[in-house]
């Protein structure tokens, strides 16, 4: 069983930056994709960014141009660099790892890290 542990969240002023990290207890080479989602209480979890393979990325429209997702396979770590943060980015951010074995797929989730953007 793989565990994902996020870190790097916190309180930041509007316009500031944070870098979230997602450390895997196992090799991330096996994961076809890694992603970041976020959730505000009372609302469904939404996809923020995903990286497929080594360098194919997708971003939600609301964060495109401000956030950058990456993964460092030898460090078993995924990252989300968040710049020009806005109050509406406030949420709990969750790391996700997705893999496929034959016709079966699987997902792992971290416990979440709080990001608060406020002056």
Protein backbone atom coordinates (compact mmCIF):
# COMPACT_ATOMS: atom_id res chain seq x y z
CA UNK A 1 0.00 0.00 0.00
CA UNK A 2 1.41 3.35 -1.05
CA UNK A 3 1.03 6.41 1.14
CA UNK A 4 1.06 9.94 -0.18
CA UNK A 5 1.95 12.78 2.17
CA UNK A 6 1.37 16.40 1.20
CA UNK A 7 3.17 19.37 2.68
CA UNK A 8 3.76 23.03 1.93
CA UNK A 9 0.34 24.45 2.64
CA UNK A 10 -0.24 27.44 4.86
CA UNK A 11 -1.40 31.02 5.04
CA UNK A 12 -0.27 33.40 2.31
CA UNK A 13 -1.30 36.88 1.22
CA UNK A 14 -2.99 37.44 -2.14
CA UNK A 15 -0.38 37.56 -4.86
CA UNK A 16 1.95 35.30 -2.93
CA UNK A 17 3.33 31.87 -3.75
CA UNK A 18 3.41 28.41 -2.24
CA UNK A 19 4.91 25.13 -3.37
CA UNK A 20 3.08 21.97 -2.40
CA UNK A 21 4.94 18.67 -2.25
CA UNK A 22 3.55 15.16 -2.40
CA UNK A 23 5.95 12.48 -1.20
CA UNK A 24 5.17 8.86 -2.02
CA UNK A 25 6.21 5.98 0.24
CA UNK A 26 6.83 3.94 -2.90
CA UNK A 27 8.20 4.48 -6.35
CA UNK A 28 6.17 6.86 -8.49
CA UNK A 29 7.59 5.43 -11.70
CA UNK A 30 4.58 3.10 -11.77
CA UNK A 31 2.05 5.94 -11.74
CA UNK A 32 0.72 6.91 -15.13
CA UNK A 33 -0.42 10.24 -13.78
CA UNK A 34 -0.18 12.41 -10.72
CA UNK A 35 -2.55 15.20 -9.94
CA UNK A 36 -3.69 17.81 -7.48
CA UNK A 37 -7.28 18.39 -6.50
CA UNK A 38 -8.81 20.85 -4.08
CA UNK A 39 -11.94 21.02 -2.03
CA UNK A 40 -13.85 23.73 -0.23
CA UNK A 41 -16.25 22.62 2.54
CA UNK A 42 -19.68 21.92 1.12
CA UNK A 43 -18.44 21.71 -2.45
CA UNK A 44 -17.26 18.78 -4.57
CA UNK A 45 -13.57 18.10 -5.00
CA UNK A 46 -12.24 19.64 -8.20
CA UNK A 47 -9.26 18.82 -10.37
CA UNK A 48 -6.60 21.53 -10.32
CA UNK A 49 -3.78 20.03 -12.38
CA UNK A 50 -2.54 16.69 -13.62
CA UNK A 51 0.70 15.48 -15.15
CA UNK A 52 0.59 12.38 -17.34
CA UNK A 53 3.86 10.59 -17.85
CA UNK A 54 6.81 12.93 -17.50
CA UNK A 55 5.62 16.12 -19.11
CA UNK A 56 2.05 16.14 -20.43
CA UNK A 57 0.12 18.55 -18.25
CA UNK A 58 -3.44 19.76 -17.87
CA UNK A 59 -4.68 22.67 -15.77
CA UNK A 60 -8.07 23.86 -14.69
CA UNK A 61 -8.90 27.12 -16.43
CA UNK A 62 -9.00 28.96 -13.12
CA UNK A 63 -5.32 28.23 -12.39
CA UNK A 64 -3.78 28.10 -15.86
CA UNK A 65 -0.79 30.39 -16.14
CA UNK A 66 -0.42 30.64 -12.35
CA UNK A 67 0.15 27.04 -11.22
CA UNK A 68 2.76 24.56 -12.44
CA UNK A 69 2.64 20.82 -11.80
CA UNK A 70 5.73 18.64 -11.94
CA UNK A 71 7.05 15.31 -10.74
CA UNK A 72 10.51 14.12 -9.78
CA UNK A 73 10.49 10.37 -10.21
CA UNK A 74 13.83 9.66 -8.54
CA UNK A 75 12.69 11.59 -5.47
CA UNK A 76 9.25 9.93 -5.51
CA UNK A 77 7.75 13.39 -5.22
CA UNK A 78 5.18 15.46 -7.04
CA UNK A 79 4.95 19.24 -6.82
CA UNK A 80 2.48 22.02 -7.37
CA UNK A 81 4.00 25.48 -7.66
CA UNK A 82 1.33 28.07 -7.02
CA UNK A 83 1.98 31.71 -7.94
CA UNK A 84 -0.20 34.82 -7.93
CA UNK A 85 -2.48 33.22 -5.40
CA UNK A 86 -6.01 34.53 -5.00
CA UNK A 87 -8.47 34.25 -2.10
CA UNK A 88 -10.56 31.89 -4.24
CA UNK A 89 -7.64 29.44 -4.24
CA UNK A 90 -8.30 28.81 -0.55
CA UNK A 91 -9.05 25.12 -0.11
CA UNK A 92 -7.68 21.81 1.10
CA UNK A 93 -5.36 20.49 -1.59
CA UNK A 94 -5.08 16.75 -2.17
CA UNK A 95 -2.43 14.83 -4.05
CA UNK A 96 -3.53 11.93 -6.25
CA UNK A 97 -1.58 9.17 -7.97
CA UNK A 98 -3.20 7.13 -10.72
CA UNK A 99 -1.96 3.88 -12.17
CA UNK A 100 -3.09 1.26 -14.66
CA UNK A 101 -2.27 -2.43 -14.56
CA UNK A 102 -3.72 -4.32 -17.50
CA UNK A 103 -7.39 -3.40 -17.58
CA UNK A 104 -7.52 -2.29 -13.97
CA UNK A 105 -6.83 1.16 -12.65
CA UNK A 106 -6.12 2.35 -9.13
CA UNK A 107 -5.79 5.60 -7.24
CA UNK A 108 -4.02 6.73 -4.13
CA UNK A 109 -4.84 9.92 -2.21
CA UNK A 110 -3.02 11.97 0.35
CA UNK A 111 -4.59 13.37 3.49
CA UNK A 112 -4.68 16.94 2.23
CA UNK A 113 -2.97 20.19 3.11
CA UNK A 114 -4.74 23.46 3.83
CA UNK A 115 -4.01 26.49 1.69
CA UNK A 116 -5.43 29.80 2.87
CA UNK A 117 -5.04 32.98 0.83
CA UNK A 118 -5.98 36.01 2.86
CA UNK A 119 -4.72 39.44 3.78
